[in-house]
N, C-alpha and C. Protein backbone atom coordinates (compact mmCIF):
# COMPACT_ATOMS: atom_id res chain seq x y z
N MET A 1 20.26 6.00 -24.07
CA MET A 1 19.26 6.94 -23.61
C MET A 1 19.05 7.01 -22.14
N ASN A 2 19.23 7.97 -21.41
CA ASN A 2 18.90 7.77 -19.92
C ASN A 2 17.37 8.15 -19.64
N ARG A 3 17.09 7.92 -18.50
CA ARG A 3 15.59 8.08 -18.09
C ARG A 3 15.08 9.48 -18.34
N LYS A 4 15.76 10.42 -17.98
CA LYS A 4 15.36 11.74 -18.27
C LYS A 4 15.05 12.09 -19.62
N GLN A 5 16.01 11.63 -20.55
CA GLN A 5 15.75 11.93 -22.05
C GLN A 5 14.46 11.24 -22.39
N LEU A 6 14.22 9.96 -21.92
CA LEU A 6 13.05 9.15 -22.44
C LEU A 6 11.82 9.79 -21.86
N VAL A 7 11.87 10.38 -20.61
CA VAL A 7 10.64 10.98 -19.98
C VAL A 7 10.29 12.35 -20.86
N ASN A 8 11.39 13.05 -21.25
CA ASN A 8 11.14 14.25 -22.03
C ASN A 8 10.66 13.94 -23.48
N MET A 9 11.17 12.88 -24.03
CA MET A 9 10.68 12.30 -25.25
C MET A 9 9.15 12.09 -25.17
N ALA A 10 8.70 11.43 -24.17
CA ALA A 10 7.40 10.96 -24.05
C ALA A 10 6.53 12.21 -23.80
N LEU A 11 7.00 13.13 -22.93
CA LEU A 11 6.29 14.39 -22.70
C LEU A 11 6.13 15.20 -23.90
N GLU A 12 7.16 15.30 -24.74
CA GLU A 12 7.00 15.90 -26.01
C GLU A 12 6.02 15.34 -26.95
N GLY A 13 5.95 14.05 -27.04
CA GLY A 13 4.88 13.30 -27.69
C GLY A 13 3.56 13.58 -27.26
N VAL A 14 3.47 13.63 -25.96
CA VAL A 14 2.04 13.88 -25.46
C VAL A 14 1.64 15.32 -25.87
N ASP A 15 2.70 16.24 -25.81
CA ASP A 15 2.26 17.65 -26.01
C ASP A 15 1.92 17.79 -27.58
N THR A 16 2.72 17.10 -28.35
CA THR A 16 2.27 17.07 -29.83
C THR A 16 1.00 16.50 -30.13
N LEU A 17 0.81 15.39 -29.55
CA LEU A 17 -0.52 14.74 -29.67
C LEU A 17 -1.71 15.63 -29.19
N GLY A 18 -1.56 16.23 -28.03
CA GLY A 18 -2.56 17.11 -27.53
C GLY A 18 -2.70 18.32 -28.42
N TYR A 19 -1.60 18.89 -29.11
CA TYR A 19 -1.72 19.95 -29.91
C TYR A 19 -2.41 19.64 -31.17
N ARG A 20 -2.20 18.46 -31.67
CA ARG A 20 -2.89 17.96 -32.94
C ARG A 20 -4.32 17.72 -32.64
N LEU A 21 -4.69 17.02 -31.50
CA LEU A 21 -6.06 16.89 -31.22
C LEU A 21 -6.80 18.21 -31.06
N GLU A 22 -6.19 19.12 -30.45
CA GLU A 22 -6.82 20.52 -30.16
C GLU A 22 -6.96 21.12 -31.57
N GLN A 23 -5.99 20.97 -32.52
CA GLN A 23 -6.26 21.59 -33.87
C GLN A 23 -7.50 21.06 -34.35
N TYR A 24 -7.95 19.84 -34.18
CA TYR A 24 -8.97 19.29 -34.87
C TYR A 24 -10.33 19.25 -33.99
N GLY A 25 -10.13 20.14 -32.78
CA GLY A 25 -11.24 20.42 -31.91
C GLY A 25 -11.67 19.14 -31.11
N ILE A 26 -10.80 18.14 -31.09
CA ILE A 26 -11.26 17.06 -30.22
C ILE A 26 -11.00 17.23 -28.87
N THR A 27 -9.91 17.73 -28.29
CA THR A 27 -9.79 18.00 -26.87
C THR A 27 -8.68 18.89 -26.60
N GLY A 28 -8.79 19.64 -25.52
CA GLY A 28 -7.76 20.61 -25.14
C GLY A 28 -7.20 20.14 -23.86
N LYS A 29 -7.59 18.93 -23.26
CA LYS A 29 -7.33 18.46 -22.00
C LYS A 29 -6.08 17.44 -21.94
N LEU A 30 -5.51 17.00 -23.05
CA LEU A 30 -4.55 16.05 -23.16
C LEU A 30 -3.15 16.80 -23.11
N ASN A 31 -2.53 16.98 -22.05
CA ASN A 31 -1.24 17.73 -22.07
C ASN A 31 -0.39 17.25 -20.82
N ARG A 32 0.92 17.47 -20.82
CA ARG A 32 1.74 16.96 -19.77
C ARG A 32 1.22 17.44 -18.37
N HIS A 33 0.68 18.33 -18.15
CA HIS A 33 0.28 18.91 -16.90
C HIS A 33 -0.85 17.94 -16.42
N ASN A 34 -1.83 17.76 -17.25
CA ASN A 34 -2.90 16.82 -16.83
C ASN A 34 -2.45 15.35 -16.45
N ILE A 35 -1.52 14.89 -17.45
CA ILE A 35 -1.13 13.65 -17.27
C ILE A 35 -0.30 13.59 -15.85
N ALA A 36 0.56 14.53 -15.63
CA ALA A 36 1.38 14.58 -14.50
C ALA A 36 0.52 14.60 -13.15
N ALA A 37 -0.56 15.37 -13.33
CA ALA A 37 -1.61 15.61 -12.20
C ALA A 37 -2.31 14.20 -11.94
N PHE A 38 -2.48 13.51 -13.00
CA PHE A 38 -3.20 12.22 -12.96
C PHE A 38 -2.38 11.19 -12.38
N LEU A 39 -0.96 11.16 -12.79
CA LEU A 39 -0.04 10.23 -12.23
C LEU A 39 0.21 10.39 -10.79
N MET A 40 0.38 11.67 -10.35
CA MET A 40 0.55 12.03 -8.99
C MET A 40 -0.72 11.58 -8.09
N ALA A 41 -1.81 11.81 -8.58
CA ALA A 41 -2.96 11.43 -7.90
C ALA A 41 -3.10 9.90 -7.72
N GLU A 42 -2.84 9.24 -8.81
CA GLU A 42 -2.79 7.74 -8.64
C GLU A 42 -1.62 7.25 -7.80
N GLN A 43 -0.50 7.85 -7.74
CA GLN A 43 0.47 7.57 -6.84
C GLN A 43 0.08 7.66 -5.44
N LYS A 44 -0.60 8.74 -5.15
CA LYS A 44 -1.09 9.09 -3.78
C LYS A 44 -2.00 8.03 -3.36
N HIS A 45 -3.03 7.66 -4.39
CA HIS A 45 -4.12 6.72 -4.10
C HIS A 45 -3.36 5.28 -3.81
N LEU A 46 -2.40 5.04 -4.55
CA LEU A 46 -1.63 3.63 -4.25
C LEU A 46 -0.95 3.74 -2.95
N GLU A 47 -0.39 4.92 -2.75
CA GLU A 47 0.31 4.87 -1.24
C GLU A 47 -0.84 4.79 -0.17
N GLY A 48 -1.79 5.41 -0.35
CA GLY A 48 -2.87 5.25 0.53
C GLY A 48 -3.41 3.76 0.72
N GLU A 49 -3.63 3.07 -0.34
CA GLU A 49 -3.98 1.66 -0.39
C GLU A 49 -2.84 0.86 0.34
N TRP A 50 -1.59 1.15 0.06
CA TRP A 50 -0.53 0.31 0.82
C TRP A 50 -0.73 0.66 2.18
N ASP A 51 -0.78 1.90 2.72
CA ASP A 51 -0.89 2.13 4.15
C ASP A 51 -2.13 1.36 4.70
N SER A 52 -3.08 1.40 4.03
CA SER A 52 -4.31 0.76 4.55
C SER A 52 -4.14 -0.88 4.70
N ILE A 53 -3.32 -1.36 3.75
CA ILE A 53 -2.99 -2.77 3.86
C ILE A 53 -2.01 -2.99 5.04
N GLN A 54 -1.00 -2.09 5.16
CA GLN A 54 -0.21 -2.17 6.37
C GLN A 54 -0.79 -2.18 7.51
N VAL A 55 -1.87 -1.20 7.81
CA VAL A 55 -2.62 -1.07 9.05
C VAL A 55 -3.27 -2.39 9.35
N ARG A 56 -3.99 -2.99 8.26
CA ARG A 56 -4.66 -4.24 8.53
C ARG A 56 -3.81 -5.40 8.94
N VAL A 57 -2.51 -5.53 8.27
CA VAL A 57 -1.55 -6.49 8.53
C VAL A 57 -1.07 -6.35 10.02
N ASN A 58 -0.81 -5.09 10.42
CA ASN A 58 -0.24 -4.87 11.75
C ASN A 58 -1.30 -5.16 12.87
N ARG A 59 -2.64 -4.88 12.53
CA ARG A 59 -3.73 -5.11 13.46
C ARG A 59 -3.83 -6.63 13.58
N ARG A 60 -3.94 -7.51 12.56
CA ARG A 60 -3.87 -8.79 12.50
C ARG A 60 -2.75 -9.34 13.40
N ARG A 61 -1.61 -8.81 13.13
CA ARG A 61 -0.34 -9.25 13.89
C ARG A 61 -0.59 -9.17 15.24
N SER A 62 -1.09 -7.93 15.72
CA SER A 62 -1.29 -7.52 17.08
C SER A 62 -2.26 -8.63 17.76
N GLN A 63 -3.34 -8.87 17.00
CA GLN A 63 -4.53 -9.73 17.45
C GLN A 63 -3.81 -11.22 17.66
N VAL A 64 -3.08 -11.65 16.73
CA VAL A 64 -2.40 -13.03 16.84
C VAL A 64 -1.58 -13.00 18.04
N GLU A 65 -0.72 -11.86 18.22
CA GLU A 65 0.19 -11.94 19.34
C GLU A 65 -0.42 -11.96 20.66
N GLY A 66 -1.51 -11.19 20.68
CA GLY A 66 -2.34 -11.13 21.86
C GLY A 66 -2.96 -12.53 22.20
N LEU A 67 -3.53 -13.20 21.14
CA LEU A 67 -3.91 -14.49 21.27
C LEU A 67 -2.92 -15.52 21.79
N ALA A 68 -1.83 -15.42 21.24
CA ALA A 68 -0.73 -16.24 21.68
C ALA A 68 -0.25 -16.16 23.10
N GLN A 69 -0.22 -14.87 23.61
CA GLN A 69 0.02 -14.60 25.00
C GLN A 69 -1.02 -15.05 25.81
N HIS A 70 -2.28 -15.04 25.32
CA HIS A 70 -3.31 -15.58 26.24
C HIS A 70 -3.28 -17.11 26.31
N VAL A 71 -2.96 -17.73 25.28
CA VAL A 71 -2.89 -19.23 25.28
C VAL A 71 -1.70 -19.62 26.09
N GLU A 72 -0.61 -18.83 25.94
CA GLU A 72 0.60 -19.22 26.66
C GLU A 72 0.31 -19.07 28.29
N SER A 73 -0.45 -18.04 28.70
CA SER A 73 -0.79 -17.80 30.06
C SER A 73 -1.67 -18.81 30.51
N ARG A 74 -2.60 -19.33 29.79
CA ARG A 74 -3.48 -20.38 30.14
C ARG A 74 -2.90 -21.73 30.32
N ALA A 75 -1.86 -21.92 29.38
CA ALA A 75 -1.07 -23.12 29.40
C ALA A 75 -0.09 -23.24 30.59
N ASP A 76 0.43 -22.17 31.04
CA ASP A 76 1.31 -21.90 32.23
C ASP A 76 0.42 -22.28 33.41
N ALA A 77 -0.81 -21.66 33.46
CA ALA A 77 -1.68 -21.86 34.61
C ALA A 77 -2.17 -23.31 34.68
N LEU A 78 -2.35 -23.96 33.56
CA LEU A 78 -2.77 -25.43 33.54
C LEU A 78 -1.64 -26.33 34.00
N LEU A 79 -0.37 -25.99 33.57
CA LEU A 79 0.82 -26.67 33.94
C LEU A 79 1.13 -26.51 35.41
N SER A 80 0.92 -25.40 35.92
CA SER A 80 1.00 -25.13 37.47
C SER A 80 0.16 -25.91 38.22
N ARG A 81 -1.10 -25.94 37.90
CA ARG A 81 -2.08 -26.79 38.53
C ARG A 81 -1.85 -28.24 38.48
N PHE A 82 -1.40 -28.68 37.36
CA PHE A 82 -1.00 -30.03 37.13
C PHE A 82 0.30 -30.44 37.99
N SER A 83 1.24 -29.53 38.01
CA SER A 83 2.40 -29.73 38.82
C SER A 83 2.00 -29.79 40.41
N ARG A 84 1.00 -29.05 40.79
CA ARG A 84 0.71 -28.89 42.25
C ARG A 84 -0.11 -30.25 42.44
N LEU A 85 -0.77 -30.74 41.65
CA LEU A 85 -1.68 -31.90 41.72
C LEU A 85 -0.62 -33.12 41.98
N ARG A 86 0.39 -33.07 41.10
CA ARG A 86 1.38 -34.22 41.15
C ARG A 86 2.11 -34.21 42.39
N ALA A 87 2.47 -32.94 42.91
CA ALA A 87 3.26 -32.83 44.09
C ALA A 87 2.54 -33.30 45.34
N SER A 88 1.12 -33.00 45.24
CA SER A 88 0.19 -33.50 46.40
C SER A 88 -0.02 -34.98 46.57
N HIS A 89 0.36 -35.69 45.48
CA HIS A 89 0.05 -37.22 45.57
C HIS A 89 1.24 -37.91 45.67
């Protein structure tokens, strides 16, 4: 069985279950459209969460790179002073 057949079988089962529940007056809100809408909303929610995580990671990476550059420039300045001191003696 391929994926499309499995999805169709699952959707038909949801439709059947929704129909049976509606016959008993339990609910009319369980159908493939509502489930698809829920899944799409959750997919967008997860995509948003992933984007948020990526932004935070990139921000931290940028901060670390900036700090590393600052440390390197300070170390270069210190080494330069040390070299001048050695040369003068």
